[in-house]
Amino acid sequence: MMFGFGRAKKQNGRSTAFDPTRQRAALRCSICTGEQVAGFQDIRTGQFEEVMLIRGEADLQRFKSEYGVREIVKIY
């Protein structure tokens, strides 16, 4: 499964816009490789929008602080 890193659009210095009323923060995780991608999942449709590759705890903390995220769900 390929995640297509680097496709996120730039808006006001951020990769994407986050709307907590219609999206939730999520980590899409590969069961086979352990690869993780942080992004936002539309609550209504389930569509996932990739934001950044997570290589370690530092990347995860950067994602959380940049978007003001406290909780992240995992999607497999």
Protein backbone atom coordinates (compact mmCIF):
# COMPACT_ATOMS: atom_id res chain seq x y z
CA MET A 1 0.00 0.00 0.00
CA MET A 2 1.47 3.33 -1.02
CA PHE A 3 0.57 6.48 0.87
CA GLY A 4 1.78 9.12 -1.62
CA PHE A 5 3.88 11.28 0.67
CA GLY A 6 4.33 14.91 -0.23
CA ARG A 7 0.93 15.47 -1.84
CA ALA A 8 -0.37 17.77 0.87
CA LYS A 9 -1.28 21.30 -0.20
CA LYS A 10 0.21 24.40 1.44
CA GLN A 11 -2.22 26.86 3.03
CA ASN A 12 -0.96 29.76 5.17
CA GLY A 13 2.30 27.99 6.04
CA ARG A 14 0.49 24.81 7.11
CA SER A 15 0.27 21.70 5.00
CA THR A 16 -3.52 21.48 5.23
CA ALA A 17 -6.39 23.08 7.11
CA PHE A 18 -7.83 21.16 10.07
CA ASP A 19 -11.52 21.56 10.95
CA PRO A 20 -12.25 19.64 14.19
CA THR A 21 -16.01 19.98 13.59
CA ARG A 22 -15.78 17.73 10.53
CA GLN A 23 -12.42 15.96 10.86
CA ARG A 24 -10.50 13.94 13.41
CA ALA A 25 -6.75 13.54 13.67
CA ALA A 26 -5.61 10.05 12.71
CA LEU A 27 -2.52 7.92 12.15
CA ARG A 28 -2.83 5.58 9.20
CA CYS A 29 -0.63 2.60 10.04
CA SER A 30 0.58 -0.19 7.80
CA ILE A 31 0.28 -3.59 9.45
CA CYS A 32 2.98 -5.02 7.17
CA THR A 33 5.70 -2.37 7.37
CA GLY A 34 4.80 -0.38 10.48
CA GLU A 35 4.84 2.83 8.41
CA GLN A 36 2.71 5.64 9.88
CA VAL A 37 1.20 8.70 8.21
CA ALA A 38 -0.50 11.46 10.20
CA GLY A 39 -3.46 13.24 8.76
CA PHE A 40 -7.14 13.97 9.10
CA GLN A 41 -10.12 11.70 8.55
CA ASP A 42 -13.48 13.14 7.55
CA ILE A 43 -15.95 12.09 10.25
CA ARG A 44 -18.85 11.75 7.82
CA THR A 45 -17.23 10.05 4.82
CA GLY A 46 -14.18 8.36 6.37
CA GLN A 47 -11.90 9.86 3.69
CA PHE A 48 -8.32 10.27 4.93
CA GLU A 49 -6.18 13.30 4.02
CA GLU A 50 -2.43 12.71 4.42
CA VAL A 51 -0.37 15.42 6.07
CA MET A 52 3.02 14.02 7.06
CA LEU A 53 5.09 10.88 7.45
CA ILE A 54 5.71 9.94 11.10
CA ARG A 55 9.18 8.45 11.58
CA GLY A 56 9.32 8.76 15.34
CA GLU A 57 8.01 10.44 18.46
CA ALA A 58 9.51 13.82 17.46
CA ASP A 59 7.52 13.85 14.20
CA LEU A 60 4.34 12.93 16.07
CA GLN A 61 4.87 15.73 18.59
CA ARG A 62 5.53 18.21 15.77
CA PHE A 63 2.28 17.20 14.06
CA LYS A 64 0.33 17.56 17.32
CA SER A 65 1.76 20.97 18.14
CA GLU A 66 1.44 22.35 14.60
CA TYR A 67 -2.26 21.48 14.40
CA GLY A 68 -3.21 21.76 18.08
CA VAL A 69 -4.12 18.07 18.27
CA ARG A 70 -4.44 16.27 21.60
CA GLU A 71 -5.88 12.88 20.60
CA ILE A 72 -5.08 10.78 17.55
CA VAL A 73 -6.85 7.59 16.51
CA LYS A 74 -5.06 4.80 14.64
CA ILE A 75 -6.41 3.47 11.35
CA TYR A 76 -5.11 0.14 10.03
